[in-house]
C-alpha cells in the first residue's frame, strides 16, 4: 500500500476490503471517529484514485474459471474477460468463465489453466506505518487483527493482543463503551 496513506486511511481500506458495503456510520463506529471524518477520508480515497471501485463478488464468479495466457488481448471481446494481467514479458493472463473458452480459440493462446475455484484472502494487504492500538508503537510485522464488538483493532504482538483483550473486558465490566 502507498506510503502516503495514514494509519486511519489504511484501517478504513482494510475494513472496506472485507466488506465494501459498510456505511459511513459503520466505518466511523469501527474506527472510533466522527461520521464527518469518516466521510472525508472515504471521499478523499475515492477522489485520489486509491479506491478504484466498490463491488460485489457473486458465488458464480468464484468457480469454473480459466486462466488463459495470451500473446495479445487486442481483438478479444471485453465482455469475455473478468480481469487480465499484463505480464513483464509483454504477454497477458486473462481470467474468464470456463464456458467462454471456446470463444477464444482463434486468438494466440499460449496456455490454458482451468481453475475449479477462486479464493480471495481479504486479510492480505500491504500495510505500512500502522500504529498498535494498545501500545501505540509502529507495527513492523504483519498486524494481529482483533474483532471485538463491531470494532476492529490492530496490535503489534501477542502481549498487546492479550492486554487489549483484558482492558476491553474490564471496560465492558464497568459498562464503558470503548
N, C-alpha and C. Protein backbone atom coordinates (compact mmCIF):
# COMPACT_ATOMS: atom_id res chain seq x y z
N UNK A 1 0.85 -1.17 0.00
CA UNK A 1 0.00 0.00 0.00
C UNK A 1 0.89 1.23 0.00
N UNK A 2 0.41 2.30 -0.53
CA UNK A 2 1.18 3.51 -0.66
C UNK A 2 1.67 4.02 0.69
N UNK A 3 2.91 4.48 0.71
CA UNK A 3 3.48 5.02 1.94
C UNK A 3 2.84 6.34 2.32
N UNK A 4 2.10 6.95 1.42
CA UNK A 4 1.48 8.24 1.69
C UNK A 4 0.17 8.12 2.46
N UNK A 5 -0.32 6.91 2.67
CA UNK A 5 -1.58 6.73 3.37
C UNK A 5 -1.36 6.78 4.88
N UNK A 6 -2.30 7.41 5.55
CA UNK A 6 -2.22 7.48 7.01
C UNK A 6 -2.68 6.16 7.61
N UNK A 7 -2.40 6.02 8.89
CA UNK A 7 -2.83 4.85 9.64
C UNK A 7 -4.36 4.68 9.52
N UNK A 8 -5.08 5.77 9.69
CA UNK A 8 -6.54 5.74 9.63
C UNK A 8 -7.05 5.36 8.24
N UNK A 9 -6.40 5.88 7.20
CA UNK A 9 -6.79 5.52 5.83
C UNK A 9 -6.57 4.04 5.58
N UNK A 10 -5.45 3.51 6.04
CA UNK A 10 -5.17 2.08 5.85
C UNK A 10 -6.20 1.22 6.58
N UNK A 11 -6.58 1.64 7.77
CA UNK A 11 -7.58 0.89 8.55
C UNK A 11 -8.94 0.90 7.84
N UNK A 12 -9.30 2.06 7.27
CA UNK A 12 -10.56 2.15 6.56
C UNK A 12 -10.54 1.23 5.34
N UNK A 13 -9.44 1.23 4.61
CA UNK A 13 -9.32 0.36 3.44
C UNK A 13 -9.43 -1.11 3.84
N UNK A 14 -8.79 -1.48 4.95
CA UNK A 14 -8.86 -2.87 5.43
C UNK A 14 -10.31 -3.26 5.72
N UNK A 15 -11.06 -2.37 6.36
CA UNK A 15 -12.46 -2.64 6.66
C UNK A 15 -13.28 -2.79 5.38
N UNK A 16 -13.04 -1.89 4.43
CA UNK A 16 -13.79 -1.93 3.18
C UNK A 16 -13.44 -3.15 2.33
N UNK A 17 -12.19 -3.62 2.41
CA UNK A 17 -11.81 -4.81 1.65
C UNK A 17 -12.56 -6.03 2.16
N UNK A 18 -12.83 -6.07 3.45
CA UNK A 18 -13.56 -7.22 3.97
C UNK A 18 -15.07 -7.10 3.75
N UNK A 19 -15.56 -5.86 3.59
CA UNK A 19 -16.98 -5.65 3.29
C UNK A 19 -17.16 -4.24 2.74
N UNK A 20 -17.24 -4.13 1.42
CA UNK A 20 -17.33 -2.82 0.78
C UNK A 20 -18.71 -2.17 0.96
N UNK A 21 -19.64 -2.88 1.57
CA UNK A 21 -20.98 -2.33 1.78
C UNK A 21 -21.11 -1.61 3.13
N UNK A 22 -20.03 -1.52 3.87
CA UNK A 22 -20.08 -0.80 5.15
C UNK A 22 -20.51 0.64 4.90
N UNK A 23 -21.37 1.12 5.76
CA UNK A 23 -21.81 2.51 5.66
C UNK A 23 -20.79 3.43 6.32
N UNK A 24 -20.91 4.71 6.05
CA UNK A 24 -20.04 5.69 6.69
C UNK A 24 -20.23 5.63 8.21
N UNK A 25 -21.45 5.42 8.64
CA UNK A 25 -21.73 5.30 10.08
C UNK A 25 -21.00 4.08 10.67
N UNK A 26 -21.08 2.94 9.97
CA UNK A 26 -20.37 1.74 10.43
C UNK A 26 -18.86 1.99 10.50
N UNK A 27 -18.32 2.62 9.46
CA UNK A 27 -16.89 2.90 9.44
C UNK A 27 -16.50 3.82 10.59
N UNK A 28 -17.31 4.84 10.84
CA UNK A 28 -16.98 5.78 11.92
C UNK A 28 -17.00 5.08 13.28
N UNK A 29 -17.96 4.20 13.47
CA UNK A 29 -18.03 3.46 14.75
C UNK A 29 -16.83 2.52 14.92
N UNK A 30 -16.53 1.78 13.87
CA UNK A 30 -15.44 0.81 13.95
C UNK A 30 -14.08 1.48 14.10
N UNK A 31 -13.93 2.65 13.52
CA UNK A 31 -12.66 3.37 13.59
C UNK A 31 -12.62 4.37 14.75
N UNK A 32 -13.77 4.50 15.43
CA UNK A 32 -13.91 5.42 16.57
C UNK A 32 -13.58 6.86 16.17
N UNK A 33 -14.19 7.29 15.06
CA UNK A 33 -14.05 8.65 14.57
C UNK A 33 -15.45 9.18 14.26
N UNK A 34 -15.56 10.47 14.02
CA UNK A 34 -16.87 11.05 13.69
C UNK A 34 -17.29 10.62 12.28
N UNK A 35 -18.60 10.70 12.03
CA UNK A 35 -19.10 10.39 10.69
C UNK A 35 -18.53 11.36 9.66
N UNK A 36 -18.39 12.61 10.03
CA UNK A 36 -17.85 13.62 9.11
C UNK A 36 -16.42 13.26 8.72
N UNK A 37 -15.62 12.87 9.70
CA UNK A 37 -14.23 12.48 9.42
C UNK A 37 -14.20 11.24 8.54
N UNK A 38 -15.04 10.26 8.84
CA UNK A 38 -15.09 9.03 8.03
C UNK A 38 -15.48 9.36 6.59
N UNK A 39 -16.47 10.23 6.42
CA UNK A 39 -16.92 10.63 5.08
C UNK A 39 -15.81 11.35 4.33
N UNK A 40 -15.08 12.24 5.00
CA UNK A 40 -13.98 12.97 4.37
C UNK A 40 -12.88 12.02 3.91
N UNK A 41 -12.53 11.07 4.77
CA UNK A 41 -11.48 10.11 4.43
C UNK A 41 -11.91 9.27 3.23
N UNK A 42 -13.14 8.76 3.27
CA UNK A 42 -13.65 7.93 2.18
C UNK A 42 -13.70 8.71 0.87
N UNK A 43 -14.19 9.94 0.92
CA UNK A 43 -14.24 10.78 -0.28
C UNK A 43 -12.84 11.04 -0.82
N UNK A 44 -11.92 11.34 0.06
CA UNK A 44 -10.55 11.62 -0.34
C UNK A 44 -9.91 10.40 -1.01
N UNK A 45 -10.10 9.22 -0.43
CA UNK A 45 -9.54 8.00 -1.00
C UNK A 45 -10.11 7.72 -2.40
N UNK A 46 -11.39 8.01 -2.57
CA UNK A 46 -12.02 7.81 -3.88
C UNK A 46 -11.54 8.84 -4.89
N UNK A 47 -11.50 10.10 -4.48
CA UNK A 47 -11.08 11.17 -5.39
C UNK A 47 -9.62 11.03 -5.82
N UNK A 48 -8.77 10.54 -4.92
CA UNK A 48 -7.35 10.36 -5.24
C UNK A 48 -7.10 9.12 -6.09
N UNK A 49 -8.14 8.29 -6.26
CA UNK A 49 -7.98 7.07 -7.04
C UNK A 49 -7.36 5.92 -6.27
N UNK A 50 -7.21 6.09 -4.95
CA UNK A 50 -6.70 5.00 -4.12
C UNK A 50 -7.73 3.87 -4.13
N UNK A 51 -9.00 4.22 -3.93
CA UNK A 51 -10.09 3.26 -4.06
C UNK A 51 -10.63 3.40 -5.47
N UNK A 52 -10.49 2.36 -6.26
CA UNK A 52 -10.91 2.41 -7.66
C UNK A 52 -12.39 2.10 -7.84
N UNK A 53 -12.91 1.16 -7.02
CA UNK A 53 -14.32 0.81 -7.15
C UNK A 53 -14.80 0.04 -5.93
N UNK A 54 -16.08 0.08 -5.72
CA UNK A 54 -16.74 -0.71 -4.70
C UNK A 54 -17.52 -1.76 -5.47
N UNK A 55 -17.39 -3.00 -5.08
CA UNK A 55 -18.01 -4.05 -5.88
C UNK A 55 -18.49 -5.20 -5.03
N UNK A 56 -19.23 -6.09 -5.67
CA UNK A 56 -19.66 -7.32 -5.01
C UNK A 56 -19.07 -8.50 -5.78
N UNK A 57 -18.99 -9.62 -5.12
CA UNK A 57 -18.50 -10.84 -5.75
C UNK A 57 -19.62 -11.88 -5.66
N UNK A 58 -20.05 -12.36 -6.80
CA UNK A 58 -21.09 -13.39 -6.83
C UNK A 58 -20.45 -14.76 -6.66
N UNK A 59 -21.23 -15.71 -6.16
CA UNK A 59 -20.72 -17.07 -5.97
C UNK A 59 -20.25 -17.65 -7.31
N UNK A 60 -20.95 -17.34 -8.38
CA UNK A 60 -20.56 -17.88 -9.69
C UNK A 60 -19.26 -17.27 -10.20
N UNK A 61 -18.87 -16.12 -9.64
CA UNK A 61 -17.60 -15.50 -10.03
C UNK A 61 -16.40 -16.20 -9.41
N UNK A 62 -16.65 -17.15 -8.53
CA UNK A 62 -15.56 -17.81 -7.82
C UNK A 62 -15.31 -19.24 -8.31
N UNK A 63 -16.07 -19.70 -9.26
CA UNK A 63 -15.88 -21.09 -9.68
C UNK A 63 -15.92 -21.23 -11.20
N UNK A 64 -15.38 -22.34 -11.69
CA UNK A 64 -15.36 -22.67 -13.12
C UNK A 64 -14.75 -21.55 -13.95
N UNK A 65 -13.54 -21.20 -13.59
CA UNK A 65 -12.82 -20.14 -14.30
C UNK A 65 -11.65 -20.72 -15.06
N UNK A 66 -11.20 -20.00 -16.06
CA UNK A 66 -10.00 -20.40 -16.79
C UNK A 66 -9.02 -19.24 -16.77
N UNK A 67 -7.75 -19.59 -16.69
CA UNK A 67 -6.67 -18.62 -16.80
C UNK A 67 -6.06 -18.86 -18.17
N UNK A 68 -6.18 -17.86 -19.02
CA UNK A 68 -5.72 -18.01 -20.40
C UNK A 68 -4.51 -17.10 -20.61
N UNK A 69 -3.39 -17.73 -20.96
CA UNK A 69 -2.16 -16.98 -21.24
C UNK A 69 -2.18 -16.64 -22.73
N UNK A 70 -2.23 -15.37 -23.03
CA UNK A 70 -2.39 -14.89 -24.40
C UNK A 70 -1.20 -14.04 -24.83
N UNK A 71 -0.92 -14.11 -26.12
CA UNK A 71 0.11 -13.26 -26.69
C UNK A 71 -0.40 -11.81 -26.78
N UNK A 72 -1.71 -11.67 -27.02
CA UNK A 72 -2.31 -10.35 -27.22
C UNK A 72 -3.75 -10.39 -26.72
N UNK A 73 -4.23 -9.28 -26.15
CA UNK A 73 -5.64 -9.19 -25.75
C UNK A 73 -6.44 -8.33 -26.72
N UNK A 74 -5.74 -7.64 -27.60
CA UNK A 74 -6.42 -6.83 -28.59
C UNK A 74 -7.27 -7.75 -29.48
N UNK A 75 -8.49 -7.35 -29.74
CA UNK A 75 -9.38 -8.17 -30.56
C UNK A 75 -10.20 -9.14 -29.75
N UNK A 76 -9.84 -9.35 -28.50
CA UNK A 76 -10.60 -10.23 -27.60
C UNK A 76 -11.79 -9.44 -27.06
N UNK A 77 -13.00 -9.93 -27.27
CA UNK A 77 -14.18 -9.18 -26.78
C UNK A 77 -14.09 -8.94 -25.27
N UNK A 78 -14.25 -7.68 -24.87
CA UNK A 78 -14.11 -7.29 -23.46
C UNK A 78 -15.12 -7.98 -22.56
N UNK A 79 -16.28 -8.36 -23.10
CA UNK A 79 -17.28 -9.00 -22.26
C UNK A 79 -16.93 -10.45 -21.92
N UNK A 80 -15.84 -10.96 -22.46
CA UNK A 80 -15.38 -12.32 -22.13
C UNK A 80 -14.39 -12.32 -20.97
N UNK A 81 -13.77 -11.19 -20.70
CA UNK A 81 -12.68 -11.12 -19.72
C UNK A 81 -13.17 -10.56 -18.40
N UNK A 82 -13.00 -11.34 -17.33
CA UNK A 82 -13.32 -10.84 -16.00
C UNK A 82 -12.25 -9.86 -15.53
N UNK A 83 -11.01 -10.24 -15.76
CA UNK A 83 -9.87 -9.38 -15.47
C UNK A 83 -8.67 -9.94 -16.21
N UNK A 84 -7.66 -9.08 -16.41
CA UNK A 84 -6.45 -9.60 -17.02
C UNK A 84 -5.24 -8.88 -16.46
N UNK A 85 -4.11 -9.55 -16.58
CA UNK A 85 -2.84 -9.04 -16.08
C UNK A 85 -1.89 -8.86 -17.24
N UNK A 86 -1.21 -7.74 -17.28
CA UNK A 86 -0.15 -7.51 -18.26
C UNK A 86 1.13 -8.05 -17.63
N UNK A 87 1.75 -9.02 -18.26
CA UNK A 87 2.94 -9.66 -17.71
C UNK A 87 4.20 -8.97 -18.18
N UNK A 88 5.27 -9.17 -17.45
CA UNK A 88 6.54 -8.49 -17.73
C UNK A 88 7.10 -8.85 -19.10
N UNK A 89 6.76 -10.03 -19.62
CA UNK A 89 7.28 -10.44 -20.93
C UNK A 89 6.44 -9.93 -22.10
N UNK A 90 5.44 -9.08 -21.80
CA UNK A 90 4.63 -8.50 -22.87
C UNK A 90 3.39 -9.33 -23.22
N UNK A 91 3.22 -10.47 -22.54
CA UNK A 91 2.03 -11.29 -22.78
C UNK A 91 0.98 -10.95 -21.72
N UNK A 92 -0.14 -11.66 -21.76
CA UNK A 92 -1.26 -11.34 -20.87
C UNK A 92 -1.81 -12.63 -20.26
N UNK A 93 -2.32 -12.49 -19.06
CA UNK A 93 -3.01 -13.59 -18.40
C UNK A 93 -4.42 -13.12 -18.12
N UNK A 94 -5.38 -13.74 -18.80
CA UNK A 94 -6.78 -13.33 -18.69
C UNK A 94 -7.56 -14.34 -17.84
N UNK A 95 -8.45 -13.83 -17.01
CA UNK A 95 -9.35 -14.67 -16.22
C UNK A 95 -10.71 -14.60 -16.89
N UNK A 96 -11.26 -15.77 -17.20
CA UNK A 96 -12.53 -15.85 -17.92
C UNK A 96 -13.39 -16.97 -17.34
N UNK A 97 -14.67 -16.96 -17.67
CA UNK A 97 -15.53 -18.09 -17.33
C UNK A 97 -15.18 -19.26 -18.25
N UNK A 98 -15.26 -20.45 -17.72
CA UNK A 98 -14.94 -21.68 -18.46
C UNK A 98 -15.73 -21.77 -19.77
N UNK A 99 -17.01 -21.43 -19.70
CA UNK A 99 -17.86 -21.59 -20.89
C UNK A 99 -17.47 -20.65 -22.03
N UNK A 100 -16.67 -19.62 -21.75
CA UNK A 100 -16.23 -18.70 -22.81
C UNK A 100 -14.92 -19.11 -23.46
N UNK A 101 -14.33 -20.18 -22.99
CA UNK A 101 -13.03 -20.62 -23.52
C UNK A 101 -13.10 -20.90 -25.02
N UNK A 102 -14.17 -21.49 -25.47
CA UNK A 102 -14.32 -21.84 -26.89
C UNK A 102 -14.29 -20.58 -27.77
N UNK A 103 -14.70 -19.45 -27.21
CA UNK A 103 -14.78 -18.21 -27.98
C UNK A 103 -13.42 -17.57 -28.24
N UNK A 104 -12.36 -18.08 -27.62
CA UNK A 104 -11.02 -17.52 -27.83
C UNK A 104 -10.12 -18.48 -28.61
N UNK A 105 -10.71 -19.48 -29.22
CA UNK A 105 -9.90 -20.49 -29.90
C UNK A 105 -9.10 -19.93 -31.07
N UNK A 106 -9.52 -18.83 -31.66
CA UNK A 106 -8.79 -18.24 -32.79
C UNK A 106 -7.77 -17.20 -32.35
N UNK A 107 -7.66 -16.96 -31.07
CA UNK A 107 -6.69 -16.00 -30.54
C UNK A 107 -5.34 -16.70 -30.39
N UNK A 108 -4.31 -15.93 -30.15
CA UNK A 108 -2.98 -16.51 -29.95
C UNK A 108 -2.83 -16.94 -28.49
N UNK A 109 -3.39 -18.12 -28.21
CA UNK A 109 -3.38 -18.68 -26.85
C UNK A 109 -2.08 -19.43 -26.64
N UNK A 110 -1.36 -19.08 -25.57
CA UNK A 110 -0.11 -19.75 -25.24
C UNK A 110 -0.32 -20.92 -24.28
N UNK A 111 -1.29 -20.77 -23.36
CA UNK A 111 -1.53 -21.81 -22.36
C UNK A 111 -2.90 -21.56 -21.74
N UNK A 112 -3.48 -22.63 -21.20
CA UNK A 112 -4.77 -22.53 -20.52
C UNK A 112 -4.69 -23.35 -19.24
N UNK A 113 -5.15 -22.78 -18.16
CA UNK A 113 -5.26 -23.49 -16.89
C UNK A 113 -6.70 -23.36 -16.43
N UNK A 114 -7.27 -24.46 -15.99
CA UNK A 114 -8.66 -24.46 -15.52
C UNK A 114 -8.64 -24.40 -13.99
N UNK A 115 -9.35 -23.41 -13.45
CA UNK A 115 -9.46 -23.25 -12.00
C UNK A 115 -10.86 -23.69 -11.59
N UNK A 116 -10.93 -24.57 -10.63
CA UNK A 116 -12.25 -25.01 -10.16
C UNK A 116 -12.84 -24.03 -9.15
N UNK A 117 -11.97 -23.24 -8.52
CA UNK A 117 -12.47 -22.28 -7.53
C UNK A 117 -11.45 -21.16 -7.31
N UNK A 118 -11.94 -19.95 -7.15
CA UNK A 118 -11.10 -18.80 -6.81
C UNK A 118 -11.34 -18.48 -5.34
N UNK A 119 -10.28 -18.34 -4.59
CA UNK A 119 -10.36 -17.97 -3.18
C UNK A 119 -9.66 -16.63 -2.99
N UNK A 120 -10.34 -15.72 -2.36
CA UNK A 120 -9.79 -14.40 -2.13
C UNK A 120 -9.48 -14.24 -0.65
N UNK A 121 -8.26 -13.86 -0.35
CA UNK A 121 -7.83 -13.65 1.02
C UNK A 121 -7.99 -12.17 1.36
N UNK A 122 -9.03 -11.84 2.09
CA UNK A 122 -9.31 -10.45 2.42
C UNK A 122 -8.38 -9.90 3.49
N UNK A 123 -7.67 -10.77 4.19
CA UNK A 123 -6.78 -10.32 5.25
C UNK A 123 -5.40 -9.95 4.73
N UNK A 124 -5.12 -10.24 3.48
CA UNK A 124 -3.81 -9.96 2.92
C UNK A 124 -3.83 -8.59 2.25
N UNK A 125 -3.08 -7.68 2.82
CA UNK A 125 -2.95 -6.37 2.20
C UNK A 125 -1.67 -5.72 2.67
N UNK A 126 -1.19 -4.79 1.89
CA UNK A 126 0.02 -4.06 2.25
C UNK A 126 -0.34 -2.98 3.26
N UNK A 127 0.29 -3.04 4.40
CA UNK A 127 0.05 -2.03 5.43
C UNK A 127 1.39 -1.50 5.91
N UNK A 128 1.53 -0.20 5.89
CA UNK A 128 2.76 0.43 6.34
C UNK A 128 2.41 1.57 7.29
N UNK A 129 3.27 1.78 8.25
CA UNK A 129 3.13 2.90 9.19
C UNK A 129 1.85 2.80 10.00
N UNK A 130 1.44 1.60 10.37
CA UNK A 130 0.29 1.44 11.25
C UNK A 130 0.77 1.44 12.69
N UNK A 131 -0.05 1.96 13.56
CA UNK A 131 0.27 2.01 14.99
C UNK A 131 -0.55 0.94 15.72
N UNK A 132 0.06 0.37 16.72
CA UNK A 132 -0.61 -0.62 17.56
C UNK A 132 -1.69 0.07 18.38
N UNK A 133 -2.88 -0.52 18.42
CA UNK A 133 -3.99 0.06 19.17
C UNK A 133 -3.81 -0.08 20.68
N UNK A 134 -2.84 -0.86 21.10
CA UNK A 134 -2.61 -0.98 22.54
C UNK A 134 -1.44 -0.13 23.01
N UNK A 135 -0.27 -0.34 22.43
CA UNK A 135 0.93 0.34 22.93
C UNK A 135 1.29 1.59 22.12
N UNK A 136 0.74 1.72 20.92
CA UNK A 136 0.99 2.90 20.10
C UNK A 136 2.27 2.84 19.27
N UNK A 137 3.01 1.75 19.36
CA UNK A 137 4.24 1.63 18.58
C UNK A 137 3.91 1.29 17.13
N UNK A 138 4.87 1.57 16.23
CA UNK A 138 4.71 1.19 14.83
C UNK A 138 4.63 -0.33 14.73
N UNK A 139 3.72 -0.83 13.91
CA UNK A 139 3.62 -2.26 13.66
C UNK A 139 4.56 -2.56 12.49
N UNK A 140 5.62 -3.33 12.77
CA UNK A 140 6.61 -3.60 11.72
C UNK A 140 6.38 -4.95 11.04
N UNK A 141 5.78 -5.88 11.73
CA UNK A 141 5.45 -7.18 11.14
C UNK A 141 3.99 -7.14 10.71
N UNK A 142 3.47 -8.31 10.32
CA UNK A 142 2.04 -8.40 9.97
C UNK A 142 1.22 -8.11 11.22
N UNK A 143 0.27 -7.16 11.14
CA UNK A 143 -0.52 -6.84 12.34
C UNK A 143 -1.43 -7.99 12.74
N UNK A 144 -1.67 -8.11 14.02
CA UNK A 144 -2.65 -9.07 14.54
C UNK A 144 -3.98 -8.34 14.56
N UNK A 145 -4.98 -8.91 13.91
CA UNK A 145 -6.29 -8.27 13.77
C UNK A 145 -7.23 -8.85 14.80
N UNK A 146 -7.87 -7.99 15.57
CA UNK A 146 -8.85 -8.41 16.58
C UNK A 146 -10.20 -7.80 16.25
N UNK A 147 -11.23 -8.61 16.25
CA UNK A 147 -12.59 -8.12 16.05
C UNK A 147 -13.30 -8.26 17.39
N UNK A 148 -13.66 -7.13 17.98
CA UNK A 148 -14.35 -7.16 19.26
C UNK A 148 -15.50 -6.19 19.24
N UNK A 149 -16.70 -6.70 19.37
CA UNK A 149 -17.91 -5.88 19.47
C UNK A 149 -17.99 -4.82 18.38
N UNK A 150 -18.07 -5.25 17.15
CA UNK A 150 -18.24 -4.37 15.99
C UNK A 150 -17.07 -3.43 15.74
N UNK A 151 -15.95 -3.68 16.39
CA UNK A 151 -14.76 -2.85 16.16
C UNK A 151 -13.59 -3.75 15.81
N UNK A 152 -12.71 -3.21 14.98
CA UNK A 152 -11.51 -3.94 14.58
C UNK A 152 -10.31 -3.21 15.17
N UNK A 153 -9.43 -3.99 15.78
CA UNK A 153 -8.21 -3.45 16.37
C UNK A 153 -7.02 -4.14 15.74
N UNK A 154 -5.92 -3.42 15.63
CA UNK A 154 -4.67 -3.98 15.13
C UNK A 154 -3.61 -3.82 16.21
N UNK A 155 -2.93 -4.91 16.53
CA UNK A 155 -1.88 -4.87 17.54
C UNK A 155 -0.60 -5.45 16.97
N UNK A 156 0.50 -5.11 17.64
CA UNK A 156 1.81 -5.48 17.11
C UNK A 156 2.32 -6.84 17.57
N UNK A 157 1.80 -7.35 18.69
CA UNK A 157 2.34 -8.60 19.22
C UNK A 157 1.29 -9.31 20.08
N UNK A 158 1.61 -10.54 20.45
CA UNK A 158 0.66 -11.32 21.25
C UNK A 158 0.47 -10.72 22.64
N UNK A 159 1.49 -10.06 23.20
CA UNK A 159 1.34 -9.41 24.51
C UNK A 159 0.32 -8.29 24.44
N UNK A 160 0.42 -7.46 23.41
CA UNK A 160 -0.54 -6.37 23.25
C UNK A 160 -1.94 -6.92 22.99
N UNK A 161 -2.02 -8.03 22.24
CA UNK A 161 -3.32 -8.66 21.99
C UNK A 161 -3.95 -9.09 23.31
N UNK A 162 -3.17 -9.78 24.13
CA UNK A 162 -3.67 -10.27 25.42
C UNK A 162 -4.10 -9.09 26.30
N UNK A 163 -3.25 -8.07 26.40
CA UNK A 163 -3.54 -6.94 27.26
C UNK A 163 -4.72 -6.12 26.77
N UNK A 164 -4.87 -5.97 25.45
CA UNK A 164 -6.01 -5.24 24.91
C UNK A 164 -7.31 -5.99 25.21
N UNK A 165 -7.27 -7.31 25.07
CA UNK A 165 -8.47 -8.11 25.41
C UNK A 165 -8.84 -7.92 26.88
N UNK A 166 -7.85 -7.95 27.76
CA UNK A 166 -8.11 -7.76 29.19
C UNK A 166 -8.69 -6.37 29.45
N UNK A 167 -8.08 -5.35 28.83
CA UNK A 167 -8.56 -3.98 29.02
C UNK A 167 -10.01 -3.84 28.56
N UNK A 168 -10.34 -4.43 27.41
CA UNK A 168 -11.71 -4.36 26.89
C UNK A 168 -12.70 -5.07 27.82
N UNK A 169 -12.29 -6.22 28.36
CA UNK A 169 -13.16 -6.96 29.30
C UNK A 169 -13.43 -6.14 30.55
N UNK A 170 -12.39 -5.49 31.07
CA UNK A 170 -12.55 -4.65 32.27
C UNK A 170 -13.47 -3.48 31.98
N UNK A 171 -13.27 -2.84 30.82
CA UNK A 171 -14.11 -1.68 30.45
C UNK A 171 -15.56 -2.10 30.28
N UNK A 172 -15.78 -3.27 29.67
CA UNK A 172 -17.14 -3.75 29.48
C UNK A 172 -17.78 -4.09 30.82
N UNK A 173 -16.97 -4.60 31.74
CA UNK A 173 -17.47 -4.92 33.08
C UNK A 173 -17.91 -3.70 33.85
N UNK A 174 -17.33 -2.55 33.54
CA UNK A 174 -17.70 -1.29 34.16
C UNK A 174 -18.76 -0.54 33.38
N UNK A 175 -19.23 -1.15 32.28
CA UNK A 175 -20.28 -0.51 31.48
C UNK A 175 -19.80 0.58 30.57
N UNK A 176 -18.49 0.67 30.37
CA UNK A 176 -17.94 1.68 29.48
C UNK A 176 -17.97 1.16 28.05
N UNK A 177 -18.17 2.04 27.10
CA UNK A 177 -18.16 1.67 25.70
C UNK A 177 -16.92 2.27 25.06
N UNK A 178 -15.95 1.39 24.76
CA UNK A 178 -14.73 1.90 24.13
C UNK A 178 -14.43 1.17 22.88
